């Protein structure tokens, strides 16, 4: 979970980013202010302003920090069990027994992604983050191909397909009260992967 990144902030900037993350999940972007971040930090907003010009600069810094931590953990990570990693990713995205923090995080990401429609800085961030997340999926697929666990395929195309479904999943589950469809989409993605990626021995 992204919150793990902020479990042990080491300096003032990281503490501010952790407070921003928690405030975003609690209040959403629209009601986020430097004051709410200061309250979460238990400090005066002037401390926040000392490090960041405005809330957008702070939110973007928080997003970049999360992305950097993801890259650090998974960017050069050797994939010893590609099949298990892929299944773990699917389970994470399509879980139904999620807590409020998990749901709040995904809803917040959707709200911020919507800002990219008219804000070039957010668009630049999500363009880069999509590329990084897609490449992390493609890395898992390439590892599976190289080990013989997966069939020969175009890992970039499969990764793009998975990522697009994941983003659509965030949109739908964040904007409706119905989650019964999650299991069906999960099953269909597994069927797609069984036919397009997995070897016969790995197929379900």
Protein backbone atom coordinates (compact mmCIF):
# COMPACT_ATOMS: atom_id res chain seq x y z
CA UNK A 1 0.00 0.00 0.00
CA UNK A 2 1.23 3.54 -0.74
CA UNK A 3 0.76 4.54 2.91
CA UNK A 4 3.68 2.24 3.79
CA UNK A 5 5.94 4.72 2.04
CA UNK A 6 5.08 7.31 4.69
CA UNK A 7 5.34 5.08 7.75
CA UNK A 8 8.67 6.54 8.83
CA UNK A 9 9.31 10.02 7.35
CA UNK A 10 12.90 11.08 7.92
CA UNK A 11 12.80 14.87 7.49
CA UNK A 12 10.42 17.81 7.40
CA UNK A 13 9.68 17.55 3.69
CA UNK A 14 8.75 13.87 3.98
CA UNK A 15 6.56 14.64 7.00
CA UNK A 16 4.76 17.31 4.96
CA UNK A 17 4.28 14.89 2.06
CA UNK A 18 2.94 12.23 4.44
CA UNK A 19 0.48 14.75 5.87
CA UNK A 20 -0.54 15.72 2.33
CA UNK A 21 -1.19 12.09 1.42
CA UNK A 22 -3.37 11.56 4.51
CA UNK A 23 -5.22 14.85 3.96
CA UNK A 24 -5.92 14.03 0.32
CA UNK A 25 -7.41 10.69 1.29
CA UNK A 26 -9.55 12.28 3.98
CA UNK A 27 -10.68 15.50 2.30
CA UNK A 28 -10.18 14.96 -1.44
CA UNK A 29 -8.51 17.49 -3.70
CA UNK A 30 -11.36 20.02 -3.74
CA UNK A 31 -11.37 20.47 0.05
CA UNK A 32 -7.63 20.17 0.49
CA UNK A 33 -5.98 23.35 1.78
CA UNK A 34 -2.65 24.30 3.22
CA UNK A 35 -4.52 24.65 6.51
CA UNK A 36 -5.83 21.06 6.45
CA UNK A 37 -2.31 19.85 5.68
CA UNK A 38 -0.94 21.94 8.53
CA UNK A 39 -3.61 20.53 10.86
CA UNK A 40 -2.69 17.00 9.85
CA UNK A 41 0.95 17.85 10.43
CA UNK A 42 0.08 19.53 13.74
CA UNK A 43 2.03 22.56 12.59
CA UNK A 44 1.25 26.03 11.34
CA UNK A 45 0.48 26.27 7.61
CA UNK A 46 3.38 28.71 7.42
CA UNK A 47 5.74 25.74 7.74
CA UNK A 48 4.11 24.14 4.71
CA UNK A 49 4.31 27.39 2.73
CA UNK A 50 8.00 27.63 3.63
CA UNK A 51 8.65 24.46 1.62
CA UNK A 52 5.94 24.56 -1.07
CA UNK A 53 4.41 27.49 -2.94
CA UNK A 54 0.81 26.23 -3.07
CA UNK A 55 -1.26 23.08 -2.76
CA UNK A 56 -0.76 21.99 -6.37
CA UNK A 57 3.01 22.16 -5.98
CA UNK A 58 2.63 20.06 -2.85
CA UNK A 59 0.25 17.52 -4.38
CA UNK A 60 2.50 17.08 -7.41
CA UNK A 61 5.50 16.64 -5.12
CA UNK A 62 3.56 13.97 -3.22
CA UNK A 63 2.69 12.16 -6.45
CA UNK A 64 6.28 12.33 -7.63
CA UNK A 65 7.52 10.99 -4.31
CA UNK A 66 5.16 8.02 -4.51
CA UNK A 67 6.27 7.36 -8.07
CA UNK A 68 9.94 7.54 -7.13
CA UNK A 69 9.37 5.04 -4.32
CA UNK A 70 7.60 2.72 -6.73
CA UNK A 71 10.49 2.97 -9.18
CA UNK A 72 12.98 2.33 -6.41
CA UNK A 73 11.15 -0.79 -5.25
CA UNK A 74 10.08 -2.29 -8.57
CA UNK A 75 11.97 -0.49 -11.32
CA UNK A 76 15.07 -2.71 -11.22
CA UNK A 77 13.53 -5.57 -9.28
CA UNK A 78 14.38 -9.04 -10.56
CA UNK A 79 11.17 -10.98 -11.10
CA UNK A 80 11.76 -14.48 -9.77
CA UNK A 81 8.13 -15.60 -10.00
CA UNK A 82 6.46 -13.83 -12.96
CA UNK A 83 3.24 -15.84 -12.74
CA UNK A 84 2.90 -15.19 -9.02
CA UNK A 85 3.69 -11.48 -9.46
CA UNK A 86 1.09 -11.12 -12.20
CA UNK A 87 -1.54 -12.88 -10.10
CA UNK A 88 -0.67 -10.66 -7.13
CA UNK A 89 -1.14 -7.54 -9.25
CA UNK A 90 -4.57 -8.72 -10.43
CA UNK A 91 -5.64 -9.60 -6.89
CA UNK A 92 -4.62 -6.14 -5.70
CA UNK A 93 -6.57 -4.31 -8.40
CA UNK A 94 -9.73 -6.38 -8.15
CA UNK A 95 -9.92 -6.91 -4.40
CA UNK A 96 -13.38 -6.27 -2.92
CA UNK A 97 -12.54 -6.54 0.78
CA UNK A 98 -10.66 -3.24 0.87
CA UNK A 99 -10.37 -0.73 3.69
CA UNK A 100 -11.28 2.94 3.55
CA UNK A 101 -7.66 4.00 3.06
CA UNK A 102 -7.25 1.82 -0.02
CA UNK A 103 -10.49 3.10 -1.51
CA UNK A 104 -9.58 6.67 -0.60
CA UNK A 105 -6.22 6.38 -2.34
CA UNK A 106 -7.73 5.16 -5.61
CA UNK A 107 -10.48 7.78 -5.49
CA UNK A 108 -7.88 10.49 -4.90
CA UNK A 109 -5.78 9.30 -7.85
CA UNK A 110 -8.87 9.42 -10.07
CA UNK A 111 -9.70 12.94 -8.89
CA UNK A 112 -6.16 14.12 -9.59
CA UNK A 113 -6.04 12.36 -12.95
CA UNK A 114 -9.15 14.31 -13.96
CA UNK A 115 -7.19 17.52 -13.40
CA UNK A 116 -4.77 16.43 -16.12
CA UNK A 117 -7.50 17.14 -18.68
CA UNK A 118 -6.88 20.88 -18.29
CA UNK A 119 -3.64 21.11 -16.31
CA UNK A 120 -0.39 20.46 -18.16
CA UNK A 121 1.63 19.73 -15.01
CA UNK A 122 -0.73 16.97 -13.90
CA UNK A 123 -0.88 15.69 -17.48
CA UNK A 124 2.91 15.51 -17.57
CA UNK A 125 2.98 13.57 -14.30
CA UNK A 126 0.37 11.02 -15.32
CA UNK A 127 1.95 10.59 -18.74
CA UNK A 128 5.20 9.68 -17.01
CA UNK A 129 3.59 7.53 -14.32
CA UNK A 130 1.60 5.59 -16.93
CA UNK A 131 4.82 4.89 -18.82
CA UNK A 132 6.56 3.67 -15.66
CA UNK A 133 3.68 1.46 -14.52
CA UNK A 134 3.28 0.02 -18.00
CA UNK A 135 6.97 -0.79 -18.16
CA UNK A 136 6.78 -2.50 -14.76
CA UNK A 137 4.05 -4.78 -16.11
CA UNK A 138 6.01 -5.40 -19.31
CA UNK A 139 9.06 -6.33 -17.20
CA UNK A 140 7.03 -9.05 -15.46
CA UNK A 141 5.85 -10.36 -18.82
CA UNK A 142 9.36 -10.36 -20.30
CA UNK A 143 10.66 -12.25 -17.28
CA UNK A 144 7.95 -14.85 -17.80
CA UNK A 145 8.79 -15.20 -21.48
CA UNK A 146 12.50 -15.55 -20.74
CA UNK A 147 11.88 -18.20 -18.09
CA UNK A 148 9.45 -20.16 -20.23
CA UNK A 149 6.51 -19.48 -17.90
CA UNK A 150 4.76 -17.30 -20.47
CA UNK A 151 4.14 -17.66 -24.18
CA UNK A 152 5.89 -15.42 -26.68
CA UNK A 153 3.85 -12.24 -26.95
CA UNK A 154 4.22 -8.49 -27.29
CA UNK A 155 4.78 -7.57 -23.62
CA UNK A 156 4.28 -3.86 -24.25
CA UNK A 157 0.92 -4.40 -25.93
CA UNK A 158 -0.29 -6.76 -23.19
CA UNK A 159 0.92 -4.33 -20.51
CA UNK A 160 -0.90 -1.44 -22.20
CA UNK A 161 -4.08 -3.53 -22.29
CA UNK A 162 -3.83 -4.41 -18.59
CA UNK A 163 -3.08 -0.84 -17.57
CA UNK A 164 -6.01 0.54 -19.54
CA UNK A 165 -8.36 -1.95 -17.85
CA UNK A 166 -6.90 -1.03 -14.44
CA UNK A 167 -7.52 2.68 -15.01
CA UNK A 168 -11.07 1.97 -16.14
CA UNK A 169 -11.55 -0.12 -13.01
CA UNK A 170 -10.50 2.82 -10.82
CA UNK A 171 -12.97 5.09 -12.62
CA UNK A 172 -15.90 2.72 -12.26
CA UNK A 173 -15.35 1.59 -8.67
CA UNK A 174 -14.70 5.17 -7.51
CA UNK A 175 -17.85 6.59 -9.10
CA UNK A 176 -20.43 3.88 -8.37
CA UNK A 177 -21.69 1.92 -5.35
CA UNK A 178 -21.72 -1.40 -7.21
CA UNK A 179 -18.71 -3.73 -7.11
CA UNK A 180 -20.31 -7.03 -8.16
CA UNK A 181 -18.81 -6.63 -11.62
CA UNK A 182 -15.24 -6.77 -10.27
CA UNK A 183 -15.18 -10.57 -10.09
CA UNK A 184 -16.40 -10.89 -13.69
CA UNK A 185 -13.74 -8.54 -15.04
CA UNK A 186 -11.08 -10.30 -12.96
CA UNK A 187 -12.12 -13.65 -14.44
CA UNK A 188 -12.14 -12.29 -17.99
CA UNK A 189 -8.66 -10.84 -17.57
CA UNK A 190 -7.42 -14.21 -16.33
CA UNK A 191 -9.00 -15.85 -19.39
CA UNK A 192 -7.31 -13.28 -21.62
CA UNK A 193 -3.94 -13.91 -20.00
CA UNK A 194 -4.40 -17.68 -20.20
CA UNK A 195 -4.91 -17.47 -23.96
CA UNK A 196 -2.47 -14.66 -24.77
CA UNK A 197 0.36 -15.06 -22.31
CA UNK A 198 0.51 -18.15 -20.14
CA UNK A 199 1.89 -21.48 -21.23
CA UNK A 200 -0.38 -24.49 -21.15
CA UNK A 201 1.20 -25.73 -17.91
CA UNK A 202 0.42 -22.41 -16.22
CA UNK A 203 -3.09 -22.00 -17.59
CA UNK A 204 -5.92 -22.37 -15.09
